[in-house]
Every structure is written in structure tokens, then in C-alpha cells.
PDB file of N, CA and C in Angstrom:
ATOM      1  N   MET A   1      33.756   8.511  13.247  1.00  0.00           N
ATOM      2  CA  MET A   1      32.573   8.888  12.684  1.00  0.00           C
ATOM      3  C   MET A   1      32.668   8.960  10.663  1.00  0.00           C
ATOM      4  N   PRO A   2      31.892   7.863  10.211  1.00  0.00           N
ATOM      5  CA  PRO A   2      31.584   7.792   8.706  1.00  0.00           C
ATOM      6  C   PRO A   2      31.767   9.178   7.887  1.00  0.00           C
ATOM      7  N   ASP A   3      31.964   9.315   6.842  1.00  0.00           N
ATOM      8  CA  ASP A   3      32.026  10.659   5.967  1.00  0.00           C
ATOM      9  C   ASP A   3      31.055  10.854   5.551  1.00  0.00           C
ATOM     10  N   ASP A   4      29.796  10.142   5.460  1.00  0.00           N
ATOM     11  CA  ASP A   4      28.619  10.433   4.517  1.00  0.00           C
ATOM     12  C   ASP A   4      27.617  10.832   5.444  1.00  0.00           C
ATOM     13  N   LEU A   5      27.789  10.671   6.933  1.00  0.00           N
ATOM     14  CA  LEU A   5      26.756  11.468   7.948  1.00  0.00           C
ATOM     15  C   LEU A   5      26.334  12.857   7.864  1.00  0.00           C
ATOM     16  N   VAL A   6      25.168  13.064   7.426  1.00  0.00           N
ATOM     17  CA  VAL A   6      24.337  14.307   7.264  1.00  0.00           C
ATOM     18  C   VAL A   6      23.351  14.692   8.453  1.00  0.00           C
ATOM     19  N   THR A   7      23.075  15.739   8.657  1.00  0.00           N
ATOM     20  CA  THR A   7      21.817  16.113   9.385  1.00  0.00           C
ATOM     21  C   THR A   7      20.525  15.819   8.721  1.00  0.00           C
ATOM     22  N   LEU A   8      19.630  15.633   9.293  1.00  0.00           N
ATOM     23  CA  LEU A   8      18.263  15.550   8.832  1.00  0.00           C
ATOM     24  C   LEU A   8      18.097  16.893   7.502  1.00  0.00           C
ATOM     25  N   ALA A   9      18.327  17.886   8.031  1.00  0.00           N
ATOM     26  CA  ALA A   9      17.801  19.241   7.616  1.00  0.00           C
ATOM     27  C   ALA A   9      19.152  19.513   6.310  1.00  0.00           C
ATOM     28  N   GLU A  10      19.840  18.881   6.334  1.00  0.00           N
ATOM     29  CA  GLU A  10      20.678  18.698   5.639  1.00  0.00           C
ATOM     30  C   GLU A  10      20.418  17.887   4.187  1.00  0.00           C
ATOM     31  N   ALA A  11      20.021  16.513   4.539  1.00  0.00           N
ATOM     32  CA  ALA A  11      19.528  15.737   3.866  1.00  0.00           C
ATOM     33  C   ALA A  11      18.114  16.268   3.255  1.00  0.00           C
ATOM     34  N   ALA A  12      17.233  17.142   3.859  1.00  0.00           N
ATOM     35  CA  ALA A  12      16.249  17.130   3.230  1.00  0.00           C
ATOM     36  C   ALA A  12      16.679  18.314   2.384  1.00  0.00           C
ATOM     37  N   ARG A  13      17.137  18.915   2.383  1.00  0.00           N
ATOM     38  CA  ARG A  13      18.158  20.178   1.298  1.00  0.00           C
ATOM     39  C   ARG A  13      18.204  19.439   0.330  1.00  0.00           C
ATOM     40  N   ARG A  14      19.177  18.273   0.247  1.00  0.00           N
ATOM     41  CA  ARG A  14      19.661  17.773  -1.052  1.00  0.00           C
ATOM     42  C   ARG A  14      18.577  16.973  -1.750  1.00  0.00           C
ATOM     43  N   VAL A  15      17.329  16.888  -1.279  1.00  0.00           N
ATOM     44  CA  VAL A  15      16.381  15.941  -1.735  1.00  0.00           C
ATOM     45  C   VAL A  15      15.616  17.125  -2.072  1.00  0.00           C
ATOM     46  N   ARG A  16      15.298  18.216  -1.900  1.00  0.00           N
ATOM     47  CA  ARG A  16      14.250  19.338  -2.039  1.00  0.00           C
ATOM     48  C   ARG A  16      12.999  19.153  -0.893  1.00  0.00           C
ATOM     49  N   LEU A  17      13.095  18.630   0.099  1.00  0.00           N
ATOM     50  CA  LEU A  17      11.978  18.388   0.989  1.00  0.00           C
ATOM     51  C   LEU A  17      12.184  19.432   2.010  1.00  0.00           C
ATOM     52  N   SER A  18      11.214  19.860   3.115  1.00  0.00           N
ATOM     53  CA  SER A  18      11.511  20.558   3.883  1.00  0.00           C
ATOM     54  C   SER A  18      12.059  19.795   5.050  1.00  0.00           C
ATOM     55  N   PRO A  19      12.590  20.640   6.077  1.00  0.00           N
ATOM     56  CA  PRO A  19      13.361  19.548   7.297  1.00  0.00           C
ATOM     57  C   PRO A  19      11.936  19.288   8.071  1.00  0.00           C
ATOM     58  N   GLN A  20      10.888  20.085   8.280  1.00  0.00           N
ATOM     59  CA  GLN A  20       9.619  19.260   8.766  1.00  0.00           C
ATOM     60  C   GLN A  20       9.396  17.928   8.074  1.00  0.00           C
ATOM     61  N   ARG A  21       9.117  17.826   7.068  1.00  0.00           N
ATOM     62  CA  ARG A  21       8.625  17.024   6.119  1.00  0.00           C
ATOM     63  C   ARG A  21       9.645  15.647   6.367  1.00  0.00           C
ATOM     64  N   VAL A  22      10.617  15.894   6.459  1.00  0.00           N
ATOM     65  CA  VAL A  22      11.740  14.670   6.723  1.00  0.00           C
ATOM     66  C   VAL A  22      11.482  14.208   8.089  1.00  0.00           C
ATOM     67  N   ARG A  23      11.576  15.324   9.343  1.00  0.00           N
ATOM     68  CA  ARG A  23      11.132  14.959  10.438  1.00  0.00           C
ATOM     69  C   ARG A  23      10.215  13.699  10.541  1.00  0.00           C
ATOM     70  N   LYS A  24       9.118  14.139   9.753  1.00  0.00           N
ATOM     71  CA  LYS A  24       7.908  13.580  10.079  1.00  0.00           C
ATOM     72  C   LYS A  24       7.977  12.191   9.480  1.00  0.00           C
ATOM     73  N   LEU A  25       7.971  12.076   8.460  1.00  0.00           N
ATOM     74  CA  LEU A  25       8.673  10.739   7.608  1.00  0.00           C
ATOM     75  C   LEU A  25       9.546  10.068   8.299  1.00  0.00           C
ATOM     76  N   ALA A  26      10.137  10.365   9.424  1.00  0.00           N
ATOM     77  CA  ALA A  26      11.585   9.776  10.034  1.00  0.00           C
ATOM     78  C   ALA A  26      10.748   9.272  11.094  1.00  0.00           C
ATOM     79  N   ALA A  27       9.449   9.933  11.668  1.00  0.00           N
ATOM     80  CA  ALA A  27       8.916   9.329  12.568  1.00  0.00           C
ATOM     81  C   ALA A  27       7.698   8.359  12.471  1.00  0.00           C
ATOM     82  N   LYS A  28       7.395   8.052  11.181  1.00  0.00           N
ATOM     83  CA  LYS A  28       6.220   7.295  10.846  1.00  0.00           C
ATOM     84  C   LYS A  28       6.664   6.280   9.933  1.00  0.00           C
ATOM     85  N   ASP A  29       7.784   6.475   9.058  1.00  0.00           N
ATOM     86  CA  ASP A  29       8.250   5.503   8.236  1.00  0.00           C
ATOM     87  C   ASP A  29       8.930   4.347   8.629  1.00  0.00           C
ATOM     88  N   PRO A  30       8.753   3.183   9.169  1.00  0.00           N
ATOM     89  CA  PRO A  30       9.750   2.359   9.430  1.00  0.00           C
ATOM     90  C   PRO A  30      10.667   1.776   8.819  1.00  0.00           C
ATOM     91  N   ALA A  31      10.847   2.223   7.416  1.00  0.00           N
ATOM     92  CA  ALA A  31      12.103   2.094   6.684  1.00  0.00           C
ATOM     93  C   ALA A  31      12.629   3.123   6.537  1.00  0.00           C
ATOM     94  N   PHE A  32      12.323   4.045   7.119  1.00  0.00           N
ATOM     95  CA  PHE A  32      13.440   5.308   7.179  1.00  0.00           C
ATOM     96  C   PHE A  32      14.982   4.865   8.014  1.00  0.00           C
ATOM     97  N   PRO A  33      15.705   5.401   7.313  1.00  0.00           N
ATOM     98  CA  PRO A  33      17.227   4.603   7.686  1.00  0.00           C
ATOM     99  C   PRO A  33      17.390   4.964   9.443  1.00  0.00           C
ATOM    100  N   PRO A  34      18.479   4.451   9.886  1.00  0.00           N
ATOM    101  CA  PRO A  34      18.649   4.689  11.205  1.00  0.00           C
ATOM    102  C   PRO A  34      19.408   5.898  11.531  1.00  0.00           C
ATOM    103  N   GLN A  35      18.991   6.454  12.610  1.00  0.00           N
ATOM    104  CA  GLN A  35      19.316   7.810  13.013  1.00  0.00           C
ATOM    105  C   GLN A  35      20.571   7.746  14.182  1.00  0.00           C
ATOM    106  N   GLN A  36      21.030   8.758  14.102  1.00  0.00           N
ATOM    107  CA  GLN A  36      22.079   8.756  15.308  1.00  0.00           C
ATOM    108  C   GLN A  36      22.182  10.324  15.916  1.00  0.00           C
ATOM    109  N   VAL A  37      22.253  10.232  17.141  1.00  0.00           N
ATOM    110  CA  VAL A  37      22.092  11.676  17.792  1.00  0.00           C
ATOM    111  C   VAL A  37      23.261  12.140  18.471  1.00  0.00           C
ATOM    112  N   ILE A  38      23.967  12.954  17.725  1.00  0.00           N
ATOM    113  CA  ILE A  38      25.442  13.765  18.083  1.00  0.00           C
ATOM    114  C   ILE A  38      25.114  15.221  18.739  1.00  0.00           C
ATOM    115  N   GLY A  39      25.530  15.379  19.833  1.00  0.00           N
ATOM    116  CA  GLY A  39      25.432  17.097  20.175  1.00  0.00           C
ATOM    117  C   GLY A  39      24.102  17.592  19.939  1.00  0.00           C
ATOM    118  N   GLY A  40      23.158  16.654  19.847  1.00  0.00           N
ATOM    119  CA  GLY A  40      21.743  17.194  19.934  1.00  0.00           C
ATOM    120  C   GLY A  40      21.010  17.531  18.427  1.00  0.00           C
ATOM    121  N   TYR A  41      22.034  17.010  17.237  1.00  0.00           N
ATOM    122  CA  TYR A  41      21.560  17.096  16.161  1.00  0.00           C
ATOM    123  C   TYR A  41      21.480  15.136  15.775  1.00  0.00           C
ATOM    124  N   ARG A  42      20.325  15.070  14.598  1.00  0.00           N
ATOM    125  CA  ARG A  42      19.912  14.015  14.359  1.00  0.00           C
ATOM    126  C   ARG A  42      20.453  13.550  12.939  1.00  0.00           C
ATOM    127  N   LEU A  43      21.589  12.560  12.837  1.00  0.00           N
ATOM    128  CA  LEU A  43      22.156  12.620  11.955  1.00  0.00           C
ATOM    129  C   LEU A  43      21.705  11.039  11.180  1.00  0.00           C
ATOM    130  N   VAL A  44      21.874  11.037   9.865  1.00  0.00           N
ATOM    131  CA  VAL A  44      21.602   9.968   9.074  1.00  0.00           C
ATOM    132  C   VAL A  44      22.704   9.273   8.060  1.00  0.00           C
ATOM    133  N   SER A  45      23.182   8.380   7.721  1.00  0.00           N
ATOM    134  CA  SER A  45      23.832   8.183   6.306  1.00  0.00           C
ATOM    135  C   SER A  45      23.238   8.581   5.163  1.00  0.00           C
ATOM    136  N   TRP A  46      24.078   9.530   4.533  1.00  0.00           N
ATOM    137  CA  TRP A  46      23.486  10.341   3.308  1.00  0.00           C
ATOM    138  C   TRP A  46      23.372   8.806   2.508  1.00  0.00           C
ATOM    139  N   SER A  47      23.996   8.120   2.261  1.00  0.00           N
ATOM    140  CA  SER A  47      24.014   6.956   1.150  1.00  0.00           C
ATOM    141  C   SER A  47      22.695   6.121   1.500  1.00  0.00           C
ATOM    142  N   ALA A  48      22.277   5.887   2.763  1.00  0.00           N
ATOM    143  CA  ALA A  48      21.479   5.165   3.223  1.00  0.00           C
ATOM    144  C   ALA A  48      19.812   5.810   2.791  1.00  0.00           C
ATOM    145  N   PHE A  49      20.033   7.378   3.260  1.00  0.00           N
ATOM    146  CA  PHE A  49      18.760   8.184   3.211  1.00  0.00           C
ATOM    147  C   PHE A  49      18.714   8.358   1.645  1.00  0.00           C
ATOM    148  N   GLU A  50      19.587   8.729   0.670  1.00  0.00           N
ATOM    149  CA  GLU A  50      19.349   8.431  -0.444  1.00  0.00           C
ATOM    150  C   GLU A  50      18.666   7.221  -1.020  1.00  0.00           C
ATOM    151  N   ARG A  51      18.873   6.217  -0.895  1.00  0.00           N
ATOM    152  CA  ARG A  51      18.525   5.053  -1.295  1.00  0.00           C
ATOM    153  C   ARG A  51      17.180   4.845  -0.894  1.00  0.00           C
ATOM    154  N   TRP A  52      16.703   5.176   0.366  1.00  0.00           N
ATOM    155  CA  TRP A  52      15.384   5.194   1.078  1.00  0.00           C
ATOM    156  C   TRP A  52      14.636   6.170   0.229  1.00  0.00           C
ATOM    157  N   ASP A  53      14.831   7.417   0.148  1.00  0.00           N
ATOM    158  CA  ASP A  53      14.630   8.467  -0.972  1.00  0.00           C
ATOM    159  C   ASP A  53      13.961   7.826  -2.217  1.00  0.00           C
ATOM    160  N   ARG A  54      15.123   6.996  -2.686  1.00  0.00           N
ATOM    161  CA  ARG A  54      14.656   6.698  -4.079  1.00  0.00           C
ATOM    162  C   ARG A  54      13.893   5.725  -3.880  1.00  0.00           C
ATOM    163  N   ASP A  55      13.426   4.800  -3.232  1.00  0.00           N
ATOM    164  CA  ASP A  55      12.768   3.472  -3.166  1.00  0.00           C
ATOM    165  C   ASP A  55      11.327   3.807  -2.337  1.00  0.00           C
ATOM    166  N   ARG A  56      10.936   5.070  -1.991  1.00  0.00           N
ATOM    167  CA  ARG A  56      10.009   5.309  -0.960  1.00  0.00           C
ATOM    168  C   ARG A  56       8.488   5.643  -2.176  1.00  0.00           C
ATOM    169  N   ASN A  57       7.585   5.102  -1.816  1.00  0.00           N
ATOM    170  CA  ASN A  57       6.287   5.460  -2.085  1.00  0.00           C
ATOM    171  C   ASN A  57       6.047   6.890  -2.333  1.00  0.00           C
ATOM    172  N   ARG A  58       6.293   7.941  -3.247  1.00  0.00           N
ATOM    173  CA  ARG A  58       5.782   9.130  -3.283  1.00  0.00           C
ATOM    174  C   ARG A  58       4.529   9.235  -4.496  1.00  0.00           C
ATOM    175  N   ARG A  59       3.513  10.001  -3.753  1.00  0.00           N
ATOM    176  CA  ARG A  59       2.137  10.466  -4.539  1.00  0.00           C
ATOM    177  C   ARG A  59       2.070  11.679  -4.243  1.00  0.00           C
ATOM    178  N   PRO A  60       2.196  12.317  -5.395  1.00  0.00           N
ATOM    179  CA  PRO A  60       2.430  13.937  -4.825  1.00  0.00           C
ATOM    180  C   PRO A  60       0.561  14.325  -4.791  1.00  0.00           C
ATOM    181  N   GLY A  61       0.405  15.462  -4.101  1.00  0.00           N
ATOM    182  CA  GLY A  61      -0.614  16.170  -3.998  1.00  0.00           C
ATOM    183  C   GLY A  61      -1.534  15.672  -3.066  1.00  0.00           C
ATOM    184  N   ARG A  62      -2.792  16.061  -2.587  1.00  0.00           N
ATOM    185  CA  ARG A  62      -3.446  15.828  -1.469  1.00  0.00           C
ATOM    186  C   ARG A  62      -4.414  14.240  -1.599  1.00  0.00           C
ATOM    187  N   PRO A  63      -4.617  13.529  -0.592  1.00  0.00           N
ATOM    188  CA  PRO A  63      -4.982  12.141  -0.870  1.00  0.00           C
ATOM    189  C   PRO A  63      -6.319  12.514  -1.170  1.00  0.00           C
ATOM    190  N   PRO A  64      -7.299  11.688  -2.134  1.00  0.00           N
ATOM    191  CA  PRO A  64      -8.230  11.851  -2.373  1.00  0.00           C
ATOM    192  C   PRO A  64      -9.291  11.416  -0.984  1.00  0.00           C
ATOM    193  N   LYS A  65     -10.438  12.165  -1.198  1.00  0.00           N
ATOM    194  CA  LYS A  65     -11.168  12.163   0.205  1.00  0.00           C
ATOM    195  C   LYS A  65     -11.957  10.678  -0.117  1.00  0.00           C
ATOM    196  N   ARG A  66     -12.325  10.095   1.299  1.00  0.00           N
ATOM    197  CA  ARG A  66     -12.751   8.935   1.374  1.00  0.00           C
ATOM    198  C   ARG A  66     -14.042   9.213   1.596  1.00  0.00           C
ATOM    199  N   ARG A  67     -14.957   8.396   1.114  1.00  0.00           N
ATOM    200  CA  ARG A  67     -16.508   8.292   0.786  1.00  0.00           C
ATOM    201  C   ARG A  67     -16.971   7.437   1.903  1.00  0.00           C
TER     202      ARG A  67
END
């Protein structure tokens, strides 16, 4: 097993997001790094996750209302 595998919860903690937010992004973002399930835990490569987090489009706050 590669040394840089972390759980989604640990990856979330490292980038200061909630585990729920990371799970939601993993479900809807096609660019999210591949995950492995081992022992019921979803694992992701930390280096791939860090690269994805750095490159993703972030727009803080609530999106504007559509008219």
C-alpha cells in the first residue's frame, strides 16, 4: 500500500474542509482523485488529493440567485 494514502476524513482535516463536504465533492466532481475502499474506509492518495484541491475552482459563499 502506498505511503501517502489517507482517509477522506483525514484529507478533509488537512485542507480545513468538513468530511461531509469532501464526500459531496467526491460524489459530484469528475476530476476528484480515484478512491480505494479498504476495510470500509475510503482512501485517496494525499498527493493526488492535494493537487486536486489546489487546482479546483473555489468560489466562497453562497452562489447568487438566478433571476
